[in-house]
Protein backbone atom coordinates (compact mmCIF):
# COMPACT_ATOMS: atom_id res chain seq x y z
CA MET A 1 10.17 25.17 -20.44
CA THR A 2 7.48 23.28 -22.33
CA SER A 3 8.77 19.96 -21.00
CA VAL A 4 8.60 21.30 -17.41
CA LYS A 5 5.00 22.42 -17.93
CA SER A 6 4.18 19.05 -19.45
CA LEU A 7 5.75 17.28 -16.47
CA LEU A 8 3.71 19.37 -14.01
CA THR A 9 0.49 18.20 -15.65
CA LYS A 10 1.28 14.64 -14.59
CA PRO A 11 -0.70 13.89 -11.41
CA TRP A 12 2.03 11.67 -9.95
CA ILE A 13 4.69 14.43 -9.99
CA TRP A 14 3.02 16.34 -7.16
CA SER A 15 3.47 13.54 -4.66
CA PHE A 16 7.21 13.46 -5.43
CA LEU A 17 7.46 17.25 -5.22
CA GLY A 18 5.69 17.11 -1.86
CA ALA A 19 8.17 14.48 -0.62
CA LEU A 20 11.12 16.57 -1.85
CA LEU A 21 9.88 19.75 -0.16
CA VAL A 22 9.29 17.94 3.13
CA TRP A 23 12.78 16.42 2.99
CA LEU A 24 14.36 19.82 2.25
CA ALA A 25 12.46 21.45 5.11
CA THR A 26 13.64 18.75 7.51
CA ILE A 27 17.33 18.91 6.57
CA ALA A 28 17.18 22.72 6.66
CA PHE A 29 15.94 22.43 10.25
CA THR A 30 18.70 19.93 11.18
CA GLY A 31 21.40 21.80 9.28
CA GLY A 32 21.83 18.93 6.85
CA TYR A 33 22.49 16.37 9.56
CA GLY A 34 21.19 12.89 8.75
CA ALA A 35 19.95 13.78 5.25
CA GLY A 36 21.13 10.51 3.68
CA GLY A 37 19.95 8.39 6.58
CA MET A 38 16.53 10.01 6.34
CA VAL A 39 16.20 8.95 2.70
CA THR A 40 17.28 5.38 3.52
CA ALA A 41 14.78 5.18 6.39
CA ALA A 42 12.03 6.65 4.20
CA LEU A 43 12.68 4.08 1.48
CA SER A 44 12.70 1.26 4.03
CA LEU A 45 9.35 2.22 5.55
CA ALA A 46 7.67 3.35 2.32
CA VAL A 47 8.07 -0.14 0.86
CA PHE A 48 5.34 -1.60 3.07
CA THR A 49 2.86 1.16 2.21
CA VAL A 50 3.63 0.84 -1.51
CA ILE A 51 2.95 -2.91 -1.55
CA VAL A 52 -0.51 -2.62 0.00
CA GLY A 53 -1.08 0.69 -1.80
CA VAL A 54 -0.76 -1.01 -5.19
CA GLY A 55 -3.35 -3.60 -4.19
CA GLN A 56 -5.68 -0.89 -2.89
CA MET A 57 -5.12 1.08 -6.10
CA PHE A 58 -6.36 -1.79 -8.27
CA VAL A 59 -9.44 -2.16 -6.05
CA ILE A 60 -10.28 1.56 -6.07
CA THR A 61 -9.76 1.68 -9.85
CA LEU A 62 -12.71 -0.73 -10.20
CA GLY A 63 -15.02 2.22 -9.55
CA PRO A 64 -16.88 4.16 -6.83
CA GLY A 65 -17.43 2.29 -3.58
CA ASN A 66 -14.70 -0.28 -4.13
CA VAL A 67 -12.20 -0.30 -1.27
CA ASP A 68 -10.49 -2.95 0.85
CA LEU A 69 -10.88 -2.15 4.55
CA SER A 70 -9.71 -5.58 5.68
CA LEU A 71 -6.01 -4.88 5.02
CA PRO A 72 -4.92 -4.14 8.63
CA ALA A 73 -6.47 -7.35 9.99
CA ASN A 74 -5.20 -9.27 6.96
CA ILE A 75 -1.64 -8.02 7.53
CA GLY A 76 -1.75 -8.91 11.22
CA LEU A 77 -3.02 -12.45 10.60
CA ALA A 78 -0.58 -13.12 7.75
CA SER A 79 2.36 -11.96 9.88
CA ALA A 80 1.39 -14.45 12.58
CA VAL A 81 0.89 -17.25 10.04
CA ALA A 82 4.28 -16.56 8.43
CA MET A 83 6.13 -16.53 11.74
CA LYS A 84 4.48 -19.73 12.99
CA VAL A 85 5.20 -21.57 9.74
CA MET A 86 8.81 -20.36 9.63
CA ASP A 87 9.24 -21.11 13.34
CA GLY A 88 12.61 -19.38 13.37
CA ASN A 89 14.03 -21.80 10.81
CA ASP A 90 15.81 -20.40 7.74
CA SER A 91 14.89 -23.48 5.70
CA MET A 92 11.19 -22.62 6.13
CA ILE A 93 11.36 -19.02 4.85
CA ALA A 94 9.95 -19.81 1.40
CA VAL A 95 7.17 -21.96 2.87
CA GLY A 96 6.29 -19.21 5.36
CA LEU A 97 6.10 -16.59 2.61
CA LEU A 98 3.86 -18.84 0.54
CA ALA A 99 1.65 -19.41 3.60
CA ALA A 100 1.32 -15.65 4.17
CA LEU A 101 0.56 -15.12 0.48
CA ALA A 102 -2.08 -17.87 0.51
CA CYS A 103 -3.60 -16.53 3.73
CA GLY A 104 -3.90 -13.03 2.28
CA ALA A 105 -5.28 -14.30 -1.04
CA ALA A 106 -7.92 -16.32 0.83
CA VAL A 107 -8.96 -13.20 2.74
CA GLY A 108 -9.25 -11.24 -0.51
CA ALA A 109 -11.29 -14.01 -2.14
CA VAL A 110 -13.66 -14.16 0.84
CA ASN A 111 -14.06 -10.37 0.67
CA TYR A 112 -15.34 -10.57 -2.89
CA LEU A 113 -17.52 -13.61 -2.18
CA LEU A 114 -19.22 -11.62 0.59
CA ILE A 115 -19.79 -8.74 -1.82
CA TRP A 116 -21.12 -11.07 -4.52
CA ALA A 117 -23.19 -13.44 -2.40
CA LEU A 118 -24.75 -10.94 -0.01
CA ARG A 119 -25.01 -8.08 -2.55
CA ILE A 120 -23.64 -5.60 -0.02
CA PRO A 121 -21.33 -2.63 -0.69
CA PRO A 122 -17.59 -3.46 -0.63
CA ILE A 123 -16.96 -1.03 2.21
CA ILE A 124 -19.41 -2.98 4.42
CA ALA A 125 -18.24 -6.41 3.28
CA THR A 126 -14.52 -5.76 3.79
CA LEU A 127 -15.10 -3.97 7.12
CA SER A 128 -17.19 -6.90 8.36
CA ALA A 129 -14.54 -9.33 7.17
CA SER A 130 -11.87 -7.37 9.03
CA PHE A 131 -13.66 -7.94 12.35
CA ILE A 132 -13.82 -11.69 11.69
CA ILE A 133 -10.17 -11.80 10.62
CA GLN A 134 -9.14 -9.77 13.65
CA SER A 135 -10.94 -12.21 15.97
CA ILE A 136 -9.09 -15.13 14.35
CA ASP A 137 -5.83 -13.22 14.59
CA ILE A 138 -6.32 -12.49 18.29
CA SER A 139 -6.94 -16.14 19.10
CA TYR A 140 -4.17 -17.33 16.76
CA GLY A 141 -1.47 -14.71 17.17
CA ARG A 142 -2.01 -13.02 20.54
CA GLY A 143 1.11 -13.35 22.64
CA LEU A 144 3.06 -14.82 19.76
CA GLN A 145 6.74 -14.65 20.69
CA ILE A 146 8.23 -16.39 17.65
CA LYS A 147 10.99 -14.35 16.05
CA PRO A 148 11.67 -14.49 12.30
CA PRO A 149 14.50 -16.70 11.05
CA PRO A 150 17.82 -14.80 11.23
CA GLY A 151 18.24 -15.01 7.46
CA PHE A 152 14.78 -13.55 6.84
CA ALA A 153 15.28 -10.71 9.33
CA ASP A 154 18.64 -9.90 7.76
CA PHE A 155 17.10 -9.94 4.27
CA ALA A 156 14.25 -7.60 5.29
CA ASN A 157 16.83 -5.11 6.61
CA TRP A 158 19.52 -5.67 3.94
CA GLN A 159 20.94 -2.59 2.21
CA ILE A 160 23.24 -2.12 -0.77
CA LEU A 161 25.08 1.23 -0.78
CA GLY A 162 22.48 2.64 1.58
CA ILE A 163 19.56 1.48 -0.58
CA PRO A 164 17.25 -1.13 0.99
CA VAL A 165 17.06 -4.30 -1.08
CA LEU A 166 13.33 -4.50 -0.37
CA ALA A 167 12.96 -1.06 -1.98
CA ILE A 168 14.77 -2.24 -5.11
CA LEU A 169 12.57 -5.33 -5.35
CA THR A 170 9.43 -3.25 -4.74
CA VAL A 171 10.40 -0.86 -7.55
CA LEU A 172 10.64 -3.86 -9.88
CA PHE A 173 7.27 -5.06 -8.62
CA THR A 174 5.62 -1.68 -9.24
CA ILE A 175 7.09 -1.58 -12.76
CA GLY A 176 5.45 -4.95 -13.34
CA ALA A 177 2.18 -3.62 -11.91
CA ALA A 178 2.32 -0.62 -14.26
CA VAL A 179 2.92 -2.89 -17.25
CA ALA A 180 0.04 -5.16 -16.19
CA LEU A 181 -2.25 -2.16 -15.82
CA GLN A 182 -1.50 -0.64 -19.19
CA ARG A 183 -0.50 -3.58 -21.39
CA MET A 184 -2.25 -6.70 -20.13
CA ILE A 185 -5.87 -7.72 -20.66
CA TYR A 186 -6.42 -7.92 -16.91
CA GLY A 187 -5.23 -4.35 -16.26
CA ARG A 188 -7.18 -2.91 -19.18
CA SER A 189 -10.27 -4.74 -17.94
CA VAL A 190 -9.88 -3.17 -14.49
CA LEU A 191 -9.67 0.29 -16.08
CA ALA A 192 -12.65 -0.43 -18.33
CA ILE A 193 -14.81 -1.56 -15.40
CA GLY A 194 -13.91 1.57 -13.46
CA GLN A 195 -14.76 3.82 -16.39
CA ASN A 196 -18.14 2.23 -17.11
CA ILE A 197 -19.06 -1.16 -15.72
CA ARG A 198 -22.01 -1.69 -18.08
CA ALA A 199 -20.00 -0.74 -21.15
CA ALA A 200 -17.23 -3.11 -20.02
CA TRP A 201 -19.75 -5.93 -19.64
CA LEU A 202 -21.24 -5.24 -23.07
CA ALA A 203 -17.70 -5.25 -24.52
CA GLY A 204 -17.23 -8.80 -23.28
CA VAL A 205 -15.30 -8.19 -20.05
CA ASN A 206 -16.03 -10.84 -17.42
CA VAL A 207 -16.75 -8.27 -14.71
CA GLY A 208 -17.27 -10.76 -11.89
CA ARG A 209 -14.03 -12.62 -12.57
CA ILE A 210 -11.98 -9.42 -12.84
CA ARG A 211 -13.39 -8.07 -9.59
CA PHE A 212 -12.72 -11.40 -7.88
CA LEU A 213 -9.11 -11.41 -9.10
CA THR A 214 -8.62 -7.81 -7.99
CA TYR A 215 -9.84 -8.33 -4.43
CA THR A 216 -7.78 -11.54 -4.25
CA LEU A 217 -4.72 -9.62 -5.48
CA SER A 218 -5.21 -6.93 -2.84
CA GLY A 219 -5.52 -9.60 -0.15
CA ALA A 220 -2.43 -11.46 -1.38
CA LEU A 221 -0.35 -8.27 -1.29
CA GLY A 222 -1.59 -7.61 2.23
CA GLY A 223 -0.50 -11.12 3.19
CA ILE A 224 3.03 -10.80 1.82
CA ASP A 225 3.27 -7.36 3.40
CA GLY A 226 2.47 -8.87 6.79
CA ALA A 227 5.28 -11.39 6.44
CA LEU A 228 7.79 -8.73 5.37
CA LEU A 229 6.76 -6.43 8.23
CA ALA A 230 7.30 -9.27 10.72
CA GLY A 231 10.77 -9.81 9.25
CA TYR A 232 11.64 -6.12 9.27
CA PHE A 233 10.45 -5.51 12.84
CA ARG A 234 11.69 -8.94 13.93
CA GLY A 235 8.39 -10.36 15.13
CA ALA A 236 4.66 -10.64 14.45
CA ASN A 237 2.10 -8.45 16.16
CA VAL A 238 -1.70 -8.39 16.10
CA ASP A 239 -1.60 -4.61 15.57
CA ILE A 240 1.26 -4.57 13.07
CA GLY A 241 -1.01 -3.57 10.18
CA ASN A 242 -3.17 -0.95 11.90
CA GLU A 243 -1.57 2.08 10.27
CA TYR A 244 -1.97 0.72 6.76
CA LEU A 245 -5.73 1.19 6.45
CA LEU A 246 -5.72 4.96 5.98
CA ALA A 247 -2.18 4.94 4.57
CA SER A 248 -3.09 2.52 1.77
CA ILE A 249 -6.00 4.74 0.75
CA ALA A 250 -4.09 8.00 1.18
CA VAL A 251 -1.20 6.97 -1.08
CA VAL A 252 -3.66 6.01 -3.81
CA VAL A 253 -5.47 9.34 -3.67
CA ILE A 254 -2.39 11.52 -3.22
CA GLY A 255 -0.63 9.55 -5.96
CA GLY A 256 -3.14 10.63 -8.58
CA THR A 257 -5.49 7.64 -8.87
CA SER A 258 -9.10 8.69 -9.37
CA VAL A 259 -11.44 7.71 -6.53
CA ALA A 260 -14.20 7.64 -9.16
CA GLY A 261 -12.42 4.69 -10.77
CA GLY A 262 -11.11 4.02 -14.25
CA LYS A 263 -7.83 5.87 -13.82
CA ALA A 264 -4.83 4.54 -11.89
CA ASN A 265 -1.36 5.88 -11.27
CA VAL A 266 1.37 3.48 -10.16
CA PRO A 267 4.35 5.92 -9.90
CA GLY A 268 2.26 8.20 -7.69
CA VAL A 269 1.91 5.48 -5.08
CA TRP A 270 5.68 5.59 -4.54
CA GLY A 271 5.76 9.39 -4.37
CA ALA A 272 2.85 9.50 -1.94
CA ALA A 273 4.34 6.81 0.31
CA LEU A 274 7.65 8.68 0.52
CA PHE A 275 5.75 11.91 1.14
CA LEU A 276 3.81 10.45 4.09
CA VAL A 277 6.88 8.86 5.68
CA LEU A 278 9.00 12.01 5.29
CA LEU A 279 6.13 14.18 6.52
CA LEU A 280 5.91 12.17 9.73
CA THR A 281 9.70 12.37 10.10
CA MET A 282 9.62 16.14 9.63
CA LEU A 283 6.87 16.71 12.19
CA ASN A 284 8.63 14.47 14.72
CA THR A 285 11.89 16.36 14.09
CA PHE A 286 10.09 19.65 14.70
CA GLY A 287 8.81 18.26 18.01
CA VAL A 288 5.16 18.69 17.06
CA SER A 289 2.63 17.15 19.46
CA ALA A 290 0.49 14.21 18.36
CA GLY A 291 -2.72 16.25 18.00
CA VAL A 292 -1.12 19.04 16.00
CA ARG A 293 0.78 16.45 13.96
CA LEU A 294 -2.48 14.83 12.85
CA LEU A 295 -4.00 18.21 12.02
CA LEU A 296 -1.00 19.35 9.98
CA THR A 297 -0.76 16.00 8.22
CA GLY A 298 -4.39 16.29 7.13
CA LEU A 299 -3.99 19.88 5.95
CA ILE A 300 -0.80 19.16 4.01
CA ILE A 301 -2.34 16.10 2.36
CA VAL A 302 -5.36 18.18 1.30
CA GLY A 303 -2.97 20.79 -0.09
CA VAL A 304 -1.08 18.25 -2.21
CA ILE A 305 -4.31 16.72 -3.52
CA THR A 306 -5.67 20.18 -4.33
CA ALA A 307 -2.50 21.11 -6.21
CA ALA A 308 -2.63 17.92 -8.22
CA GLY A 309 -6.35 18.32 -8.84
CA GLY A 310 -5.88 21.87 -10.02
CA GLN A 311 -3.27 20.80 -12.53
CA LYS A 312 -5.49 18.01 -13.80
CA ALA A 313 -8.32 20.47 -14.24
CA VAL A 314 -6.07 22.71 -16.33
CA ARG A 315 -5.11 19.72 -18.40
């Protein structure tokens, strides 16, 4: 009993409980039909939110006001870059992925340089950058008809015993992110800056360098996400990243990361991503209209955050 109570004090557990309850409600409505397929689909789609969510989590952990609003435009541009570089050729997959990664990292670096050089809030800098990136993307990728190489498309949709390979690789990536956050100097520096930026500076943390690396990391993850999305959906699209702006922030908050900074939660990003995907599946299954779906999504998200917040308060 004590172990259960201890588990419920963990902020990340509530996102997983929310995902489980939504899944149970959906299969109860369908009489159990498609339960396994729903989990596979949820894992497949959650991967893309988790990847950008981890990058957003590191940025938000830097402290109040830090957020990357350029992710949707970044994802769209990187998807176009990856597809053009690959040009449908399997031998160019690695080069295309590196190009998308470099494109995203460059966007992240420019985001921080705008913040540093112009001394403007991150929310303004990254939003402004997103408009510039989107303009480049429209001129570069509008009407792009290049399909991903067959091998890359197959890889992005590959499953082993009903489990998407991308999900397995993303789990390994998030384990690495958790280790970096808790055990590496970089991760501890991010947490220290979020807890008290002046104290971190006085303790010898190179605040500027850590913030630069963090925004670059977020951009790089957005870039690789764009390439993977283009492979999964078998083509690039200017609007392919639009849904990941609010989703990347929502999974961070629902997953238990503090918006005040200094406290991050990697497992919660997975739980929150699964929760959001399964929630959308449930509402679609119930035949809920778009307006009501948005309202219910907002209310349910608030409920999960409140439950997690209440438990943290007790703690």
